[in-house]
Amino acid sequence: MKEEIIIGRNAVLEAINSDTNIDKILIQEGATGSIKKIISNAKQKKITIYTRDKASLDRLVDGGMHQGVVAYTTSFKYATVEDIVGDAQASDQDGIIVILDGIEDPHNLGAIIRSAECAGVNGVIIPERRSASVNATVARTSVGAVAHMKVARVTNISNTIDELKDKGYWIFGCDMGEQMYYEADMTGNVAIIIGNEGSGISKRVREKCDFIISMPVLGKVDSLNASNAAAIAIYEALRQRECK
């Protein structure tokens, strides 16, 4: 995945506040002034921040005026929800869509995209804020699968769920509940929701789900990694289609 850099305080701040896909930001050690606003806005959008000495940034920009800040961007082109639904409608199989409610670790995002692509999922939907974006780390972790998977970024997950319901999708949330994943009927058009690594599915999103499915946990650790839970649910939906 192609990476580019943005240098200078105003340019980086504008990129943070726009839809630019920022992978990480490098901040000069000891920098003050408007750098504080850059750091604050970047943290709100869950953008990874690193500190570097001035000499390192000088070498990086090869004489450019970085003003103590450099941002890395990636060239990934997001799809739309309509693209994903259209892909499902064009196939001879019922659709499978994965919705990620606040997955913040790019390694988890990459692993989920890899599982989704291997299983023939039509697309992955992520929120614009409080979520990992598709960057070079995601591309590496997905082992190239991101190049073959439609990923849509939306402003409101709850509204997107309503749109999918209107298009005939059943919504399955992976969370603690009474029904095991293998007991649920996951045939038909389905959207599978995977929640945040720590807090799980948000209350508002959970209320939108038609079904809550769980994975049995028999050990001392009380939950699966998000990417593992996603793979299990995705392949159960695929298995039921194959056995139908």
Protein backbone atom coordinates (compact mmCIF):
# COMPACT_ATOMS: atom_id res chain seq x y z
CA MET A 1 0.00 0.00 0.00
CA LYS A 2 1.42 3.37 -1.04
CA GLU A 3 2.38 5.68 1.83
CA GLU A 4 2.87 9.44 1.62
CA ILE A 5 3.75 12.09 4.20
CA ILE A 6 2.21 15.44 5.11
CA ILE A 7 4.41 18.00 6.85
CA GLY A 8 3.71 21.24 8.71
CA ARG A 9 1.28 22.03 11.50
CA ASN A 10 -1.57 23.53 9.48
CA ALA A 11 -1.39 20.83 6.80
CA VAL A 12 -1.40 18.00 9.33
CA LEU A 13 -4.22 19.54 11.38
CA GLU A 14 -6.32 19.96 8.23
CA ALA A 15 -5.67 16.33 7.29
CA ILE A 16 -6.74 15.14 10.75
CA ASN A 17 -9.98 17.11 10.56
CA SER A 18 -10.80 15.87 7.05
CA ASP A 19 -11.38 12.36 5.71
CA THR A 20 -7.69 11.82 4.97
CA ASN A 21 -6.65 8.29 5.94
CA ILE A 22 -3.83 8.92 8.43
CA ASP A 23 -1.76 5.95 9.56
CA LYS A 24 0.42 7.64 12.20
CA ILE A 25 1.80 11.01 13.25
CA LEU A 26 5.36 11.83 14.32
CA ILE A 27 5.74 14.70 16.79
CA GLN A 28 9.03 16.42 17.60
CA GLU A 29 10.15 15.97 21.19
CA GLY A 30 9.45 19.09 23.24
CA ALA A 31 7.30 20.77 20.58
CA THR A 32 4.67 23.16 21.99
CA GLY A 33 2.06 25.67 20.81
CA SER A 34 -0.41 24.38 18.20
CA ILE A 35 1.17 20.92 18.49
CA LYS A 36 -1.09 20.40 21.53
CA LYS A 37 -4.19 20.80 19.38
CA ILE A 38 -2.80 18.39 16.80
CA ILE A 39 -2.17 15.79 19.52
CA SER A 40 -5.63 16.31 21.03
CA ASN A 41 -7.46 15.99 17.70
CA ALA A 42 -5.38 12.98 16.68
CA LYS A 43 -6.17 11.19 19.95
CA GLN A 44 -9.88 11.81 19.43
CA LYS A 45 -9.63 9.99 16.11
CA LYS A 46 -7.49 7.21 17.61
CA ILE A 47 -4.51 8.05 15.38
CA THR A 48 -1.24 6.60 16.65
CA ILE A 49 1.29 9.24 17.77
CA TYR A 50 5.05 8.81 18.13
CA THR A 51 7.71 11.26 19.34
CA ARG A 52 10.98 11.76 17.47
CA ASP A 53 13.95 14.08 17.87
CA LYS A 54 14.35 17.01 15.49
CA ALA A 55 17.25 15.41 13.63
CA SER A 56 15.14 12.36 12.77
CA LEU A 57 12.33 14.50 11.36
CA ASP A 58 14.83 16.64 9.43
CA ARG A 59 16.22 13.53 7.73
CA LEU A 60 12.75 12.24 7.00
CA VAL A 61 11.54 15.35 5.14
CA ASP A 62 14.85 16.02 3.38
CA GLY A 63 14.98 19.74 4.01
CA GLY A 64 11.22 20.40 4.15
CA MET A 65 9.72 22.68 6.82
CA HIS A 66 8.03 20.12 9.07
CA GLN A 67 7.45 22.51 12.05
CA GLY A 68 7.77 19.57 14.40
CA VAL A 69 5.10 17.31 12.90
CA VAL A 70 4.89 14.70 10.12
CA ALA A 71 1.83 12.59 9.24
CA TYR A 72 1.83 9.36 7.26
CA THR A 73 -1.16 8.74 4.99
CA THR A 74 -2.20 5.68 3.00
CA SER A 75 -3.83 5.44 -0.40
CA PHE A 76 -6.57 2.91 0.38
CA LYS A 77 -9.86 3.65 -1.38
CA TYR A 78 -12.95 2.89 0.69
CA ALA A 79 -16.09 1.40 -0.81
CA THR A 80 -19.66 2.37 0.09
CA VAL A 81 -22.31 0.28 1.82
CA GLU A 82 -24.17 0.33 -1.49
CA ASP A 83 -21.11 -1.20 -3.19
CA ILE A 84 -21.07 -4.03 -0.66
CA VAL A 85 -24.80 -4.75 -0.86
CA GLY A 86 -24.60 -4.61 -4.65
CA ASP A 87 -21.81 -7.17 -4.63
CA ALA A 88 -24.00 -9.52 -2.62
CA GLN A 89 -26.98 -9.01 -4.91
CA ALA A 90 -24.87 -9.76 -7.97
CA SER A 91 -23.78 -13.13 -6.59
CA ASP A 92 -25.80 -16.33 -6.45
CA GLN A 93 -25.30 -16.61 -2.68
CA ASP A 94 -27.00 -14.86 0.24
CA GLY A 95 -24.94 -11.94 1.46
CA ILE A 96 -22.56 -11.93 4.41
CA ILE A 97 -21.41 -8.55 5.75
CA VAL A 98 -19.15 -7.94 8.75
CA ILE A 99 -19.68 -4.80 10.86
CA LEU A 100 -16.94 -3.78 13.29
CA ASP A 101 -18.18 -1.68 16.20
CA GLY A 102 -15.00 0.08 17.36
CA ILE A 103 -12.14 -2.31 16.56
CA GLU A 104 -9.14 -0.15 17.43
CA ASP A 105 -6.20 -2.51 16.92
CA PRO A 106 -5.05 -2.47 13.26
CA HIS A 107 -3.73 -6.03 13.68
CA ASN A 108 -7.23 -7.21 14.62
CA LEU A 109 -8.72 -5.31 11.69
CA GLY A 110 -6.22 -6.89 9.31
CA ALA A 111 -6.85 -10.38 10.67
CA ILE A 112 -10.62 -9.95 10.38
CA ILE A 113 -10.32 -8.73 6.79
CA ARG A 114 -8.16 -11.75 5.99
CA SER A 115 -10.74 -14.19 7.42
CA ALA A 116 -13.57 -12.33 5.69
CA GLU A 117 -11.86 -12.44 2.32
CA CYS A 118 -11.04 -16.14 2.63
CA ALA A 119 -14.69 -16.90 3.44
CA GLY A 120 -16.06 -14.85 0.53
CA VAL A 121 -17.64 -12.15 2.69
CA ASN A 122 -19.08 -9.33 0.58
CA GLY A 123 -17.64 -6.50 2.64
CA VAL A 124 -16.55 -5.08 5.97
CA ILE A 125 -18.06 -1.94 7.51
CA ILE A 126 -16.19 0.21 10.05
CA PRO A 127 -17.04 3.53 11.73
CA GLU A 128 -15.17 6.70 10.82
CA ARG A 129 -14.29 7.47 14.44
CA ARG A 130 -12.94 5.45 17.34
CA SER A 131 -11.81 2.70 15.00
CA ALA A 132 -8.68 1.53 13.28
CA SER A 133 -8.54 2.63 9.66
CA VAL A 134 -7.05 0.71 6.75
CA ASN A 135 -3.34 1.44 6.78
CA ALA A 136 -0.05 -0.25 6.01
CA THR A 137 -0.21 -2.31 9.23
CA VAL A 138 -3.68 -3.58 8.31
CA ALA A 139 -2.48 -4.43 4.81
CA ARG A 140 0.48 -6.42 6.15
CA THR A 141 -1.61 -8.25 8.75
CA SER A 142 -4.24 -9.16 6.17
CA VAL A 143 -1.46 -10.64 3.99
CA GLY A 144 -2.78 -8.71 1.00
CA ALA A 145 -6.45 -9.63 1.52
CA VAL A 146 -7.37 -5.95 1.95
CA ALA A 147 -6.70 -5.45 -1.77
CA HIS A 148 -9.58 -7.85 -2.54
CA MET A 149 -12.06 -6.84 0.16
CA LYS A 150 -14.57 -4.00 0.04
CA VAL A 151 -14.30 -1.90 3.21
CA ALA A 152 -16.82 0.88 3.85
CA ARG A 153 -16.37 3.58 6.47
CA VAL A 154 -19.60 5.10 7.84
CA THR A 155 -20.45 7.95 10.19
CA ASN A 156 -23.10 6.06 12.16
CA ILE A 157 -23.18 2.28 12.67
CA SER A 158 -26.74 2.32 14.05
CA ASN A 159 -28.11 4.06 10.96
CA THR A 160 -26.21 1.64 8.72
CA ILE A 161 -27.81 -1.29 10.55
CA ASP A 162 -31.25 0.20 9.86
CA GLU A 163 -30.35 0.52 6.18
CA LEU A 164 -29.26 -3.11 6.02
CA LYS A 165 -32.46 -4.25 7.73
CA ASP A 166 -34.46 -2.38 5.10
CA LYS A 167 -32.54 -4.35 2.48
CA GLY A 168 -33.46 -7.69 4.07
CA TYR A 169 -30.45 -8.38 6.30
CA TRP A 170 -30.67 -10.12 9.68
CA ILE A 171 -28.30 -8.61 12.24
CA PHE A 172 -26.23 -10.90 14.47
CA GLY A 173 -24.21 -9.41 17.32
CA CYS A 174 -21.34 -11.42 18.81
CA ASP A 175 -21.60 -10.87 22.57
CA MET A 176 -22.51 -12.65 25.78
CA GLY A 177 -26.00 -14.12 25.41
CA GLU A 178 -28.06 -17.26 25.76
CA GLN A 179 -27.76 -18.59 22.22
CA MET A 180 -24.61 -20.33 21.02
CA TYR A 181 -23.44 -19.35 17.55
CA TYR A 182 -24.00 -22.88 16.19
CA GLU A 183 -27.63 -22.83 17.36
CA ALA A 184 -28.54 -19.72 15.36
CA ASP A 185 -29.97 -19.85 11.85
CA MET A 186 -27.45 -17.74 9.92
CA THR A 187 -28.76 -18.50 6.45
CA GLY A 188 -30.23 -15.70 4.37
CA ASN A 189 -28.65 -12.25 4.16
CA VAL A 190 -26.76 -11.64 7.41
CA ALA A 191 -24.62 -8.93 8.95
CA ILE A 192 -22.30 -10.05 11.76
CA ILE A 193 -21.27 -7.44 14.34
CA ILE A 194 -17.99 -7.69 16.24
CA GLY A 195 -17.47 -5.27 19.13
CA ASN A 196 -14.58 -3.37 20.63
CA GLU A 197 -11.67 -5.41 22.03
CA GLY A 198 -12.36 -4.27 25.59
CA SER A 199 -15.97 -3.10 25.91
CA GLY A 200 -17.60 -5.26 23.23
CA ILE A 201 -20.64 -4.12 21.28
CA SER A 202 -22.00 -0.74 22.36
CA LYS A 203 -25.38 -0.69 24.08
CA ARG A 204 -27.07 1.22 21.26
CA VAL A 205 -25.77 -1.16 18.60
CA ARG A 206 -26.66 -4.22 20.68
CA GLU A 207 -30.25 -3.01 20.89
CA LYS A 208 -30.38 -2.94 17.08
CA CYS A 209 -29.38 -6.62 16.76
CA ASP A 210 -31.97 -9.22 15.81
CA PHE A 211 -29.95 -11.95 17.52
CA ILE A 212 -27.06 -12.12 20.00
CA ILE A 213 -24.76 -15.09 19.52
CA SER A 214 -22.05 -16.33 21.87
CA MET A 215 -19.01 -18.61 21.70
CA PRO A 216 -18.46 -21.12 24.50
CA VAL A 217 -15.59 -20.12 26.78
CA LEU A 218 -14.42 -22.97 29.03
CA GLY A 219 -11.03 -21.69 30.18
CA LYS A 220 -10.01 -19.09 32.72
CA VAL A 221 -9.93 -16.24 30.16
CA ASP A 222 -13.47 -14.93 29.79
CA SER A 223 -13.49 -13.87 26.12
CA LEU A 224 -11.99 -14.56 22.71
CA ASN A 225 -9.87 -12.14 20.74
CA ALA A 226 -12.09 -10.09 18.42
CA SER A 227 -10.50 -11.48 15.26
CA ASN A 228 -10.97 -15.07 16.48
CA ALA A 229 -14.62 -14.46 17.32
CA ALA A 230 -15.14 -12.90 13.90
CA ALA A 231 -13.59 -15.89 12.13
CA ILE A 232 -15.76 -18.36 14.03
CA ALA A 233 -18.99 -16.47 13.28
CA ILE A 234 -18.10 -15.87 9.63
CA TYR A 235 -17.30 -19.51 8.98
CA GLU A 236 -20.42 -20.69 10.77
CA ALA A 237 -22.50 -18.57 8.39
CA LEU A 238 -20.53 -20.03 5.47
CA ARG A 239 -20.93 -23.60 6.79
CA GLN A 240 -24.68 -23.22 7.04
CA ARG A 241 -24.83 -22.05 3.44
CA GLU A 242 -22.79 -25.01 2.28
CA CYS A 243 -25.03 -27.43 4.19
CA LYS A 244 -28.29 -25.82 3.14
